[in-house]
Amino acid sequence: MKWHEVSISTKEENEEQFSIFLNTIAKGVSIEHSVDILKSKTDNFEEKFRLDPKDYPDSDIRILVYFDDL
């Protein structure tokens, strides 16, 4: 099966509203938080994770939405 991926960059405070809506119209939704957000929510982040910042949004969040190929 083939998919179409749509990427949406937005503020973290929009995450819940976007997720609820997008889950009603799409086949899948994935949320990627910036490294700064992950650091702020995780104790001892540097000791627990070795993430490549290039793999994450520069700021806020990125929502990846997946639709069936029609």
PDB file of N, CA and C in Angstrom:
ATOM      1  N   MET A   1       0.849  -1.176   0.000  1.00  0.00           N
ATOM      2  CA  MET A   1       0.000   0.000   0.000  1.00  0.00           C
ATOM      3  C   MET A   1       0.896   1.241   0.000  1.00  0.00           C
ATOM      4  N   LYS A   2       0.504   2.231  -0.776  1.00  0.00           N
ATOM      5  CA  LYS A   2       1.247   3.483  -0.854  1.00  0.00           C
ATOM      6  C   LYS A   2       0.542   4.546  -0.025  1.00  0.00           C
ATOM      7  N   TRP A   3       1.353   5.456   0.516  1.00  0.00           N
ATOM      8  CA  TRP A   3       0.838   6.514   1.372  1.00  0.00           C
ATOM      9  C   TRP A   3       1.285   7.875   0.856  1.00  0.00           C
ATOM     10  N   HIS A   4       0.517   8.881   1.218  1.00  0.00           N
ATOM     11  CA  HIS A   4       0.923  10.273   1.032  1.00  0.00           C
ATOM     12  C   HIS A   4       1.201  10.809   2.431  1.00  0.00           C
ATOM     13  N   GLU A   5       2.340  11.473   2.574  1.00  0.00           N
ATOM     14  CA  GLU A   5       2.703  12.056   3.864  1.00  0.00           C
ATOM     15  C   GLU A   5       2.621  13.572   3.747  1.00  0.00           C
ATOM     16  N   VAL A   6       1.939  14.190   4.701  1.00  0.00           N
ATOM     17  CA  VAL A   6       1.842  15.641   4.780  1.00  0.00           C
ATOM     18  C   VAL A   6       2.498  16.060   6.086  1.00  0.00           C
ATOM     19  N   SER A   7       3.365  17.059   6.010  1.00  0.00           N
ATOM     20  CA  SER A   7       4.071  17.547   7.190  1.00  0.00           C
ATOM     21  C   SER A   7       3.543  18.928   7.564  1.00  0.00           C
ATOM     22  N   ILE A   8       3.197  19.087   8.845  1.00  0.00           N
ATOM     23  CA  ILE A   8       2.679  20.362   9.356  1.00  0.00           C
ATOM     24  C   ILE A   8       3.570  20.812  10.507  1.00  0.00           C
ATOM     25  N   SER A   9       4.134  22.007  10.398  1.00  0.00           N
ATOM     26  CA  SER A   9       4.919  22.585  11.499  1.00  0.00           C
ATOM     27  C   SER A   9       4.015  23.552  12.252  1.00  0.00           C
ATOM     28  N   THR A  10       4.009  23.425  13.580  1.00  0.00           N
ATOM     29  CA  THR A  10       3.125  24.268  14.375  1.00  0.00           C
ATOM     30  C   THR A  10       3.681  24.402  15.794  1.00  0.00           C
ATOM     31  N   LYS A  11       3.016  25.186  16.584  1.00  0.00           N
ATOM     32  CA  LYS A  11       3.380  25.380  17.990  1.00  0.00           C
ATOM     33  C   LYS A  11       2.925  24.183  18.816  1.00  0.00           C
ATOM     34  N   GLU A  12       3.634  23.920  19.885  1.00  0.00           N
ATOM     35  CA  GLU A  12       3.316  22.778  20.744  1.00  0.00           C
ATOM     36  C   GLU A  12       1.896  22.856  21.302  1.00  0.00           C
ATOM     37  N   GLU A  13       1.407  24.052  21.591  1.00  0.00           N
ATOM     38  CA  GLU A  13       0.071  24.180  22.178  1.00  0.00           C
ATOM     39  C   GLU A  13      -1.043  23.773  21.215  1.00  0.00           C
ATOM     40  N   ASN A  14      -0.741  23.637  19.921  1.00  0.00           N
ATOM     41  CA  ASN A  14      -1.736  23.194  18.938  1.00  0.00           C
ATOM     42  C   ASN A  14      -1.780  21.681  18.771  1.00  0.00           C
ATOM     43  N   GLU A  15      -0.897  20.970  19.435  1.00  0.00           N
ATOM     44  CA  GLU A  15      -0.756  19.525  19.245  1.00  0.00           C
ATOM     45  C   GLU A  15      -2.060  18.760  19.460  1.00  0.00           C
ATOM     46  N   GLU A  16      -2.732  18.981  20.556  1.00  0.00           N
ATOM     47  CA  GLU A  16      -3.931  18.199  20.872  1.00  0.00           C
ATOM     48  C   GLU A  16      -5.047  18.447  19.864  1.00  0.00           C
ATOM     49  N   GLN A  17      -5.310  19.717  19.555  1.00  0.00           N
ATOM     50  CA  GLN A  17      -6.403  20.026  18.629  1.00  0.00           C
ATOM     51  C   GLN A  17      -6.123  19.457  17.239  1.00  0.00           C
ATOM     52  N   PHE A  18      -4.901  19.630  16.744  1.00  0.00           N
ATOM     53  CA  PHE A  18      -4.549  19.081  15.441  1.00  0.00           C
ATOM     54  C   PHE A  18      -4.670  17.554  15.456  1.00  0.00           C
ATOM     55  N   SER A  19      -4.162  16.917  16.492  1.00  0.00           N
ATOM     56  CA  SER A  19      -4.184  15.457  16.565  1.00  0.00           C
ATOM     57  C   SER A  19      -5.599  14.908  16.536  1.00  0.00           C
ATOM     58  N   ILE A  20      -6.477  15.504  17.297  1.00  0.00           N
ATOM     59  CA  ILE A  20      -7.866  15.053  17.337  1.00  0.00           C
ATOM     60  C   ILE A  20      -8.494  15.175  15.957  1.00  0.00           C
ATOM     61  N   PHE A  21      -8.351  16.339  15.336  1.00  0.00           N
ATOM     62  CA  PHE A  21      -8.949  16.545  14.022  1.00  0.00           C
ATOM     63  C   PHE A  21      -8.324  15.632  12.965  1.00  0.00           C
ATOM     64  N   LEU A  22      -6.992  15.598  12.904  1.00  0.00           N
ATOM     65  CA  LEU A  22      -6.321  14.829  11.856  1.00  0.00           C
ATOM     66  C   LEU A  22      -6.589  13.326  11.976  1.00  0.00           C
ATOM     67  N   ASN A  23      -6.763  12.841  13.191  1.00  0.00           N
ATOM     68  CA  ASN A  23      -7.078  11.422  13.359  1.00  0.00           C
ATOM     69  C   ASN A  23      -8.453  11.063  12.811  1.00  0.00           C
ATOM     70  N   THR A  24      -9.327  12.046  12.607  1.00  0.00           N
ATOM     71  CA  THR A  24     -10.647  11.766  12.043  1.00  0.00           C
ATOM     72  C   THR A  24     -10.622  11.713  10.515  1.00  0.00           C
ATOM     73  N   ILE A  25      -9.596  12.304   9.883  1.00  0.00           N
ATOM     74  CA  ILE A  25      -9.567  12.359   8.418  1.00  0.00           C
ATOM     75  C   ILE A  25      -8.405  11.589   7.799  1.00  0.00           C
ATOM     76  N   ALA A  26      -7.460  11.134   8.607  1.00  0.00           N
ATOM     77  CA  ALA A  26      -6.260  10.487   8.074  1.00  0.00           C
ATOM     78  C   ALA A  26      -6.146   9.046   8.572  1.00  0.00           C
ATOM     79  N   LYS A  27      -5.229   8.316   7.967  1.00  0.00           N
ATOM     80  CA  LYS A  27      -4.960   6.928   8.367  1.00  0.00           C
ATOM     81  C   LYS A  27      -3.924   6.823   9.467  1.00  0.00           C
ATOM     82  N   GLY A  28      -3.192   7.886   9.705  1.00  0.00           N
ATOM     83  CA  GLY A  28      -2.185   7.863  10.758  1.00  0.00           C
ATOM     84  C   GLY A  28      -1.629   9.245  11.010  1.00  0.00           C
ATOM     85  N   VAL A  29      -1.211   9.476  12.245  1.00  0.00           N
ATOM     86  CA  VAL A  29      -0.637  10.758  12.643  1.00  0.00           C
ATOM     87  C   VAL A  29       0.558  10.479  13.531  1.00  0.00           C
ATOM     88  N   SER A  30       1.651  11.194  13.295  1.00  0.00           N
ATOM     89  CA  SER A  30       2.848  11.071  14.116  1.00  0.00           C
ATOM     90  C   SER A  30       3.289  12.465  14.533  1.00  0.00           C
ATOM     91  N   ILE A  31       3.672  12.621  15.793  1.00  0.00           N
ATOM     92  CA  ILE A  31       4.108  13.910  16.308  1.00  0.00           C
ATOM     93  C   ILE A  31       5.603  13.844  16.602  1.00  0.00           C
ATOM     94  N   GLU A  32       6.349  14.814  16.084  1.00  0.00           N
ATOM     95  CA  GLU A  32       7.780  14.923  16.378  1.00  0.00           C
ATOM     96  C   GLU A  32       8.019  16.231  17.111  1.00  0.00           C
ATOM     97  N   HIS A  33       8.587  16.137  18.313  1.00  0.00           N
ATOM     98  CA  HIS A  33       8.894  17.313  19.116  1.00  0.00           C
ATOM     99  C   HIS A  33      10.337  17.741  18.862  1.00  0.00           C
ATOM    100  N   SER A  34      10.586  19.046  18.966  1.00  0.00           N
ATOM    101  CA  SER A  34      11.961  19.523  18.835  1.00  0.00           C
ATOM    102  C   SER A  34      12.783  18.982  20.004  1.00  0.00           C
ATOM    103  N   VAL A  35      14.089  18.941  19.830  1.00  0.00           N
ATOM    104  CA  VAL A  35      14.973  18.451  20.885  1.00  0.00           C
ATOM    105  C   VAL A  35      14.839  19.323  22.131  1.00  0.00           C
ATOM    106  N   ASP A  36      14.642  20.624  21.958  1.00  0.00           N
ATOM    107  CA  ASP A  36      14.477  21.519  23.113  1.00  0.00           C
ATOM    108  C   ASP A  36      13.253  21.135  23.946  1.00  0.00           C
ATOM    109  N   ILE A  37      12.159  20.779  23.299  1.00  0.00           N
ATOM    110  CA  ILE A  37      10.960  20.350  24.026  1.00  0.00           C
ATOM    111  C   ILE A  37      11.229  19.022  24.729  1.00  0.00           C
ATOM    112  N   LEU A  38      11.863  18.093  24.029  1.00  0.00           N
ATOM    113  CA  LEU A  38      12.177  16.803  24.657  1.00  0.00           C
ATOM    114  C   LEU A  38      13.073  16.987  25.877  1.00  0.00           C
ATOM    115  N   LYS A  39      14.054  17.871  25.772  1.00  0.00           N
ATOM    116  CA  LYS A  39      14.957  18.133  26.902  1.00  0.00           C
ATOM    117  C   LYS A  39      14.194  18.704  28.091  1.00  0.00           C
ATOM    118  N   SER A  40      13.249  19.597  27.808  1.00  0.00           N
ATOM    119  CA  SER A  40      12.529  20.247  28.909  1.00  0.00           C
ATOM    120  C   SER A  40      11.599  19.283  29.641  1.00  0.00           C
ATOM    121  N   LYS A  41      11.238  18.160  29.003  1.00  0.00           N
ATOM    122  CA  LYS A  41      10.299  17.210  29.612  1.00  0.00           C
ATOM    123  C   LYS A  41      10.972  15.963  30.164  1.00  0.00           C
ATOM    124  N   THR A  42      12.302  15.875  30.074  1.00  0.00           N
ATOM    125  CA  THR A  42      12.997  14.658  30.473  1.00  0.00           C
ATOM    126  C   THR A  42      14.136  14.986  31.429  1.00  0.00           C
ATOM    127  N   ASP A  43      14.096  14.392  32.619  1.00  0.00           N
ATOM    128  CA  ASP A  43      15.202  14.555  33.557  1.00  0.00           C
ATOM    129  C   ASP A  43      16.434  13.836  33.023  1.00  0.00           C
ATOM    130  N   ASN A  44      17.603  14.415  33.224  1.00  0.00           N
ATOM    131  CA  ASN A  44      18.868  13.818  32.792  1.00  0.00           C
ATOM    132  C   ASN A  44      18.861  13.451  31.309  1.00  0.00           C
ATOM    133  N   PHE A  45      18.304  14.298  30.516  1.00  0.00           N
ATOM    134  CA  PHE A  45      18.149  14.031  29.092  1.00  0.00           C
ATOM    135  C   PHE A  45      19.477  13.654  28.428  1.00  0.00           C
ATOM    136  N   GLU A  46      20.508  14.432  28.696  1.00  0.00           N
ATOM    137  CA  GLU A  46      21.807  14.204  28.046  1.00  0.00           C
ATOM    138  C   GLU A  46      22.379  12.835  28.405  1.00  0.00           C
ATOM    139  N   GLU A  47      22.088  12.347  29.592  1.00  0.00           N
ATOM    140  CA  GLU A  47      22.589  11.037  30.012  1.00  0.00           C
ATOM    141  C   GLU A  47      21.780   9.889  29.396  1.00  0.00           C
ATOM    142  N   LYS A  48      20.503  10.118  29.139  1.00  0.00           N
ATOM    143  CA  LYS A  48      19.617   9.060  28.662  1.00  0.00           C
ATOM    144  C   LYS A  48      19.576   8.927  27.144  1.00  0.00           C
ATOM    145  N   PHE A  49      19.746  10.046  26.424  1.00  0.00           N
ATOM    146  CA  PHE A  49      19.541  10.042  24.977  1.00  0.00           C
ATOM    147  C   PHE A  49      20.721  10.645  24.236  1.00  0.00           C
ATOM    148  N   ARG A  50      20.971  10.121  23.071  1.00  0.00           N
ATOM    149  CA  ARG A  50      21.940  10.697  22.144  1.00  0.00           C
ATOM    150  C   ARG A  50      21.219  10.861  20.811  1.00  0.00           C
ATOM    151  N   LEU A  51      20.507  11.965  20.678  1.00  0.00           N
ATOM    152  CA  LEU A  51      19.695  12.202  19.499  1.00  0.00           C
ATOM    153  C   LEU A  51      20.422  13.125  18.535  1.00  0.00           C
ATOM    154  N   ASP A  52      20.192  12.922  17.268  1.00  0.00           N
ATOM    155  CA  ASP A  52      20.738  13.800  16.250  1.00  0.00           C
ATOM    156  C   ASP A  52      19.717  14.912  16.011  1.00  0.00           C
ATOM    157  N   PRO A  53      20.033  16.147  16.396  1.00  0.00           N
ATOM    158  CA  PRO A  53      19.067  17.243  16.240  1.00  0.00           C
ATOM    159  C   PRO A  53      18.578  17.429  14.812  1.00  0.00           C
ATOM    160  N   LYS A  54      19.330  16.981  13.821  1.00  0.00           N
ATOM    161  CA  LYS A  54      18.901  17.109  12.423  1.00  0.00           C
ATOM    162  C   LYS A  54      17.672  16.254  12.125  1.00  0.00           C
ATOM    163  N   ASP A  55      17.401  15.267  12.969  1.00  0.00           N
ATOM    164  CA  ASP A  55      16.245  14.385  12.764  1.00  0.00           C
ATOM    165  C   ASP A  55      14.950  14.951  13.345  1.00  0.00           C
ATOM    166  N   TYR A  56      15.031  16.096  14.005  1.00  0.00           N
ATOM    167  CA  TYR A  56      13.886  16.663  14.710  1.00  0.00           C
ATOM    168  C   TYR A  56      13.631  18.087  14.227  1.00  0.00           C
ATOM    169  N   PRO A  57      12.414  18.603  14.441  1.00  0.00           N
ATOM    170  CA  PRO A  57      12.128  19.981  14.025  1.00  0.00           C
ATOM    171  C   PRO A  57      13.058  20.960  14.744  1.00  0.00           C
ATOM    172  N   ASP A  58      13.363  22.077  14.073  1.00  0.00           N
ATOM    173  CA  ASP A  58      14.221  23.097  14.684  1.00  0.00           C
ATOM    174  C   ASP A  58      13.564  23.721  15.904  1.00  0.00           C
ATOM    175  N   SER A  59      12.257  23.856  15.863  1.00  0.00           N
ATOM    176  CA  SER A  59      11.524  24.410  17.003  1.00  0.00           C
ATOM    177  C   SER A  59      10.116  23.829  17.022  1.00  0.00           C
ATOM    178  N   ASP A  60       9.493  23.915  18.159  1.00  0.00           N
ATOM    179  CA  ASP A  60       8.114  23.471  18.354  1.00  0.00           C
ATOM    180  C   ASP A  60       7.910  22.022  17.903  1.00  0.00           C
ATOM    181  N   ILE A  61       6.852  21.752  17.123  1.00  0.00           N
ATOM    182  CA  ILE A  61       6.569  20.365  16.739  1.00  0.00           C
ATOM    183  C   ILE A  61       6.323  20.249  15.235  1.00  0.00           C
ATOM    184  N   ARG A  62       6.466  19.026  14.762  1.00  0.00           N
ATOM    185  CA  ARG A  62       6.109  18.697  13.383  1.00  0.00           C
ATOM    186  C   ARG A  62       5.107  17.547  13.465  1.00  0.00           C
ATOM    187  N   ILE A  63       3.990  17.713  12.770  1.00  0.00           N
ATOM    188  CA  ILE A  63       2.967  16.675  12.731  1.00  0.00           C
ATOM    189  C   ILE A  63       3.032  16.043  11.344  1.00  0.00           C
ATOM    190  N   LEU A  64       3.229  14.735  11.315  1.00  0.00           N
ATOM    191  CA  LEU A  64       3.233  13.995  10.058  1.00  0.00           C
ATOM    192  C   LEU A  64       1.897  13.277   9.939  1.00  0.00           C
ATOM    193  N   VAL A  65       1.211  13.493   8.828  1.00  0.00           N
ATOM    194  CA  VAL A  65      -0.118  12.938   8.606  1.00  0.00           C
ATOM    195  C   VAL A  65      -0.043  12.027   7.385  1.00  0.00           C
ATOM    196  N   TYR A  66      -0.671  10.862   7.483  1.00  0.00           N
ATOM    197  CA  TYR A  66      -0.608   9.858   6.424  1.00  0.00           C
ATOM    198  C   TYR A  66      -1.995   9.581   5.850  1.00  0.00           C
ATOM    199  N   PHE A  67      -2.074   9.640   4.506  1.00  0.00           N
ATOM    200  CA  PHE A  67      -3.305   9.378   3.787  1.00  0.00           C
ATOM    201  C   PHE A  67      -3.066   8.241   2.797  1.00  0.00           C
ATOM    202  N   ASP A  68      -4.101   7.441   2.559  1.00  0.00           N
ATOM    203  CA  ASP A  68      -4.022   6.386   1.542  1.00  0.00           C
ATOM    204  C   ASP A  68      -3.785   7.010   0.178  1.00  0.00           C
ATOM    205  N   ASP A  69      -3.049   6.295  -0.662  1.00  0.00           N
ATOM    206  CA  ASP A  69      -2.905   6.681  -2.048  1.00  0.00           C
ATOM    207  C   ASP A  69      -4.144   6.206  -2.787  1.00  0.00           C
ATOM    208  N   LEU A  70      -4.884   7.126  -3.349  1.00  0.00           N
ATOM    209  CA  LEU A  70      -6.146   6.754  -4.020  1.00  0.00           C
ATOM    210  C   LEU A  70      -5.934   6.454  -5.475  1.00  0.00           C
TER     211      LEU A  70
END
